[in-house]
Amino acid sequence: MHDIIEQLQEMSETVPIPLELPTFDQLVMAEEEILMPLPGELKQYLLYASDVIYGSLEPVTVSDPNSHTFLPEVTAYAWSIGMPREYVAVCQQGNSFYCIDQEGQMLLWNEDGSESEYWESLWEWVEQVWMKS
């Protein structure tokens, strides 16, 4: 995990207004908003790497409630179009969502209700999907 975070930080693009890493309290508020705990790997990502801007995908964040990547809003939208409530959205791609379950397995949930791809962990998804986007 630490090596992947380090790689992400090195790959991150420089932008005029950079993203901020959240506080632990902001994670707790996000959990309260979605009424469920965040999986451990997602918490680690949010605390240590959610300020990374890289590639064509924009994973969720929790430090700015006005952002289009704000985890509670992205997850609520995904639930509203049919994503099962046991999943938490990690990244929106159109009306498909890369999401994570409470055991930490990642999957691609599609608007038609199908689940088309799986990864054993968030970090595997980061390496195989996000870092190659």
C-alpha atoms as a PDB file:
ATOM      1  CA  MET A   1       0.000   0.000   0.000  1.00  0.00           C
ATOM      2  CA  HIS A   2       2.721   2.497   0.939  1.00  0.00           C
ATOM      3  CA  ASP A   3       4.549   1.906  -2.350  1.00  0.00           C
ATOM      4  CA  ILE A   4       1.354   2.496  -4.330  1.00  0.00           C
ATOM      5  CA  ILE A   5       0.606   5.710  -2.417  1.00  0.00           C
ATOM      6  CA  GLU A   6       4.151   6.892  -3.092  1.00  0.00           C
ATOM      7  CA  GLN A   7       3.760   6.116  -6.814  1.00  0.00           C
ATOM      8  CA  LEU A   8       0.448   7.986  -6.904  1.00  0.00           C
ATOM      9  CA  GLN A   9       1.994  11.033  -5.236  1.00  0.00           C
ATOM     10  CA  GLU A  10       4.820  11.031  -7.794  1.00  0.00           C
ATOM     11  CA  MET A  11       2.359  10.717 -10.704  1.00  0.00           C
ATOM     12  CA  SER A  12       0.000  13.424  -9.417  1.00  0.00           C
ATOM     13  CA  GLU A  13      -0.540  16.349 -11.742  1.00  0.00           C
ATOM     14  CA  THR A  14       0.134  19.897 -10.593  1.00  0.00           C
ATOM     15  CA  VAL A  15      -3.042  21.975 -10.693  1.00  0.00           C
ATOM     16  CA  PRO A  16      -3.820  25.609  -9.771  1.00  0.00           C
ATOM     17  CA  ILE A  17      -6.108  24.600  -6.898  1.00  0.00           C
ATOM     18  CA  PRO A  18      -4.884  21.311  -5.426  1.00  0.00           C
ATOM     19  CA  LEU A  19      -7.096  18.887  -3.543  1.00  0.00           C
ATOM     20  CA  GLU A  20      -6.701  18.616   0.216  1.00  0.00           C
ATOM     21  CA  LEU A  21      -6.410  15.466   2.274  1.00  0.00           C
ATOM     22  CA  PRO A  22      -9.286  15.067   4.732  1.00  0.00           C
ATOM     23  CA  THR A  23      -9.150  14.998   8.495  1.00  0.00           C
ATOM     24  CA  PHE A  24     -10.257  11.930  10.410  1.00  0.00           C
ATOM     25  CA  ASP A  25     -13.339  13.930  11.497  1.00  0.00           C
ATOM     26  CA  GLN A  26     -14.283  14.449   7.843  1.00  0.00           C
ATOM     27  CA  LEU A  27     -14.133  10.677   7.315  1.00  0.00           C
ATOM     28  CA  VAL A  28     -16.439  10.174  10.286  1.00  0.00           C
ATOM     29  CA  MET A  29     -18.863  12.764   8.892  1.00  0.00           C
ATOM     30  CA  ALA A  30     -18.873  10.969   5.517  1.00  0.00           C
ATOM     31  CA  GLU A  31     -19.650   7.682   7.285  1.00  0.00           C
ATOM     32  CA  GLU A  32     -22.495   9.363   9.165  1.00  0.00           C
ATOM     33  CA  GLU A  33     -23.895  10.783   5.919  1.00  0.00           C
ATOM     34  CA  ILE A  34     -24.007   7.402   4.189  1.00  0.00           C
ATOM     35  CA  LEU A  35     -25.022   5.597   7.412  1.00  0.00           C
ATOM     36  CA  MET A  36     -22.324   2.931   7.133  1.00  0.00           C
ATOM     37  CA  PRO A  37     -18.627   2.507   7.909  1.00  0.00           C
ATOM     38  CA  LEU A  38     -16.066   2.995   5.181  1.00  0.00           C
ATOM     39  CA  PRO A  39     -13.959  -0.082   4.376  1.00  0.00           C
ATOM     40  CA  GLY A  40     -10.422   0.118   5.814  1.00  0.00           C
ATOM     41  CA  GLU A  41      -8.591   0.416   2.491  1.00  0.00           C
ATOM     42  CA  LEU A  42     -10.909   3.211   1.380  1.00  0.00           C
ATOM     43  CA  LYS A  43     -10.170   5.097   4.615  1.00  0.00           C
ATOM     44  CA  GLN A  44      -6.432   4.681   3.992  1.00  0.00           C
ATOM     45  CA  TYR A  45      -6.789   5.940   0.433  1.00  0.00           C
ATOM     46  CA  LEU A  46      -8.857   8.944   1.532  1.00  0.00           C
ATOM     47  CA  LEU A  47      -6.463   9.905   4.347  1.00  0.00           C
ATOM     48  CA  TYR A  48      -3.217   9.502   2.398  1.00  0.00           C
ATOM     49  CA  ALA A  49      -3.841   9.707  -1.357  1.00  0.00           C
ATOM     50  CA  SER A  50      -7.175  11.400  -2.125  1.00  0.00           C
ATOM     51  CA  ASP A  51      -5.320  14.598  -3.032  1.00  0.00           C
ATOM     52  CA  VAL A  52      -3.868  12.895  -6.135  1.00  0.00           C
ATOM     53  CA  ILE A  53      -5.024  14.111  -9.529  1.00  0.00           C
ATOM     54  CA  TYR A  54      -4.028  11.704 -12.248  1.00  0.00           C
ATOM     55  CA  GLY A  55      -5.322  10.244 -15.504  1.00  0.00           C
ATOM     56  CA  SER A  56      -8.891  10.207 -16.732  1.00  0.00           C
ATOM     57  CA  LEU A  57     -10.543   8.845 -13.567  1.00  0.00           C
ATOM     58  CA  GLU A  58     -11.541  10.933 -10.564  1.00  0.00           C
ATOM     59  CA  PRO A  59     -11.910   8.829  -7.419  1.00  0.00           C
ATOM     60  CA  VAL A  60     -14.067  10.055  -4.547  1.00  0.00           C
ATOM     61  CA  THR A  61     -12.939  12.604  -1.985  1.00  0.00           C
ATOM     62  CA  VAL A  62     -14.317  13.769   1.364  1.00  0.00           C
ATOM     63  CA  SER A  63     -12.513  17.024   2.127  1.00  0.00           C
ATOM     64  CA  ASP A  64     -14.807  19.303   0.062  1.00  0.00           C
ATOM     65  CA  PRO A  65     -18.585  18.746   0.266  1.00  0.00           C
ATOM     66  CA  ASN A  66     -19.049  20.959  -2.813  1.00  0.00           C
ATOM     67  CA  SER A  67     -16.872  18.769  -5.038  1.00  0.00           C
ATOM     68  CA  HIS A  68     -18.399  16.599  -7.755  1.00  0.00           C
ATOM     69  CA  THR A  69     -16.307  13.757  -6.283  1.00  0.00           C
ATOM     70  CA  PHE A  70     -17.713  14.086  -2.731  1.00  0.00           C
ATOM     71  CA  LEU A  71     -18.137  10.490  -1.551  1.00  0.00           C
ATOM     72  CA  PRO A  72     -21.567  10.819   0.135  1.00  0.00           C
ATOM     73  CA  GLU A  73     -23.061  12.511  -2.940  1.00  0.00           C
ATOM     74  CA  VAL A  74     -21.509  10.112  -5.459  1.00  0.00           C
ATOM     75  CA  THR A  75     -22.587   7.097  -3.401  1.00  0.00           C
ATOM     76  CA  ALA A  76     -26.119   8.458  -2.868  1.00  0.00           C
ATOM     77  CA  TYR A  77     -26.495   8.993  -6.614  1.00  0.00           C
ATOM     78  CA  ALA A  78     -25.237   5.474  -7.352  1.00  0.00           C
ATOM     79  CA  TRP A  79     -27.725   4.051  -4.843  1.00  0.00           C
ATOM     80  CA  SER A  80     -30.512   6.126  -6.411  1.00  0.00           C
ATOM     81  CA  ILE A  81     -29.969   4.482  -9.802  1.00  0.00           C
ATOM     82  CA  GLY A  82     -29.851   0.980  -8.367  1.00  0.00           C
ATOM     83  CA  MET A  83     -26.380   0.201  -7.032  1.00  0.00           C
ATOM     84  CA  PRO A  84     -26.844  -2.143  -4.046  1.00  0.00           C
ATOM     85  CA  ARG A  85     -26.552  -0.396  -0.687  1.00  0.00           C
ATOM     86  CA  GLU A  86     -23.803  -2.717   0.525  1.00  0.00           C
ATOM     87  CA  TYR A  87     -21.423  -0.955  -1.875  1.00  0.00           C
ATOM     88  CA  VAL A  88     -19.695   2.397  -1.475  1.00  0.00           C
ATOM     89  CA  ALA A  89     -18.814   4.284  -4.657  1.00  0.00           C
ATOM     90  CA  VAL A  90     -15.096   4.830  -5.220  1.00  0.00           C
ATOM     91  CA  CYS A  91     -15.172   6.327  -8.702  1.00  0.00           C
ATOM     92  CA  GLN A  92     -17.933   7.306 -11.115  1.00  0.00           C
ATOM     93  CA  GLN A  93     -17.544   6.694 -14.822  1.00  0.00           C
ATOM     94  CA  GLY A  94     -20.731   7.889 -16.528  1.00  0.00           C
ATOM     95  CA  ASN A  95     -23.501   5.869 -14.903  1.00  0.00           C
ATOM     96  CA  SER A  96     -21.143   3.035 -13.993  1.00  0.00           C
ATOM     97  CA  PHE A  97     -19.334   2.970 -10.676  1.00  0.00           C
ATOM     98  CA  TYR A  98     -16.188   1.392  -9.388  1.00  0.00           C
ATOM     99  CA  CYS A  99     -17.271   0.482  -5.879  1.00  0.00           C
ATOM    100  CA  ILE A 100     -16.079  -1.373  -2.802  1.00  0.00           C
ATOM    101  CA  ASP A 101     -17.822  -3.732  -0.399  1.00  0.00           C
ATOM    102  CA  GLN A 102     -17.230  -3.972   3.352  1.00  0.00           C
ATOM    103  CA  GLU A 103     -14.684  -6.781   2.855  1.00  0.00           C
ATOM    104  CA  GLY A 104     -12.613  -4.510   0.609  1.00  0.00           C
ATOM    105  CA  GLN A 105     -13.327  -6.163  -2.754  1.00  0.00           C
ATOM    106  CA  MET A 106     -13.666  -3.736  -5.652  1.00  0.00           C
ATOM    107  CA  LEU A 107     -16.044  -4.185  -8.573  1.00  0.00           C
ATOM    108  CA  LEU A 108     -17.436  -2.316 -11.536  1.00  0.00           C
ATOM    109  CA  TRP A 109     -21.201  -1.879 -11.138  1.00  0.00           C
ATOM    110  CA  ASN A 110     -23.063  -0.878 -14.305  1.00  0.00           C
ATOM    111  CA  GLU A 111     -26.326   1.054 -14.555  1.00  0.00           C
ATOM    112  CA  ASP A 112     -28.069  -2.036 -15.967  1.00  0.00           C
ATOM    113  CA  GLY A 113     -27.348  -3.788 -12.662  1.00  0.00           C
ATOM    114  CA  SER A 114     -24.540  -5.968 -13.948  1.00  0.00           C
ATOM    115  CA  GLU A 115     -21.213  -6.368 -12.211  1.00  0.00           C
ATOM    116  CA  SER A 116     -18.603  -6.811 -14.905  1.00  0.00           C
ATOM    117  CA  GLU A 117     -15.130  -6.670 -13.341  1.00  0.00           C
ATOM    118  CA  TYR A 118     -13.639  -7.479  -9.928  1.00  0.00           C
ATOM    119  CA  TRP A 119     -10.445  -6.686  -8.035  1.00  0.00           C
ATOM    120  CA  GLU A 120      -9.334  -8.222  -4.747  1.00  0.00           C
ATOM    121  CA  SER A 121      -8.591  -4.843  -3.172  1.00  0.00           C
ATOM    122  CA  LEU A 122      -8.746  -1.114  -3.713  1.00  0.00           C
ATOM    123  CA  TRP A 123      -4.963  -1.059  -4.172  1.00  0.00           C
ATOM    124  CA  GLU A 124      -5.170  -3.709  -6.903  1.00  0.00           C
ATOM    125  CA  TRP A 125      -7.783  -1.538  -8.648  1.00  0.00           C
ATOM    126  CA  VAL A 126      -5.535   1.528  -8.271  1.00  0.00           C
ATOM    127  CA  GLU A 127      -2.631  -0.294  -9.950  1.00  0.00           C
ATOM    128  CA  GLN A 128      -4.617  -2.055 -12.688  1.00  0.00           C
ATOM    129  CA  VAL A 129      -7.197   0.617 -13.550  1.00  0.00           C
ATOM    130  CA  TRP A 130      -6.592   4.114 -12.207  1.00  0.00           C
ATOM    131  CA  MET A 131      -2.824   4.257 -12.745  1.00  0.00           C
ATOM    132  CA  LYS A 132      -3.328   3.084 -16.338  1.00  0.00           C
ATOM    133  CA  SER A 133      -6.130   5.562 -17.125  1.00  0.00           C
END
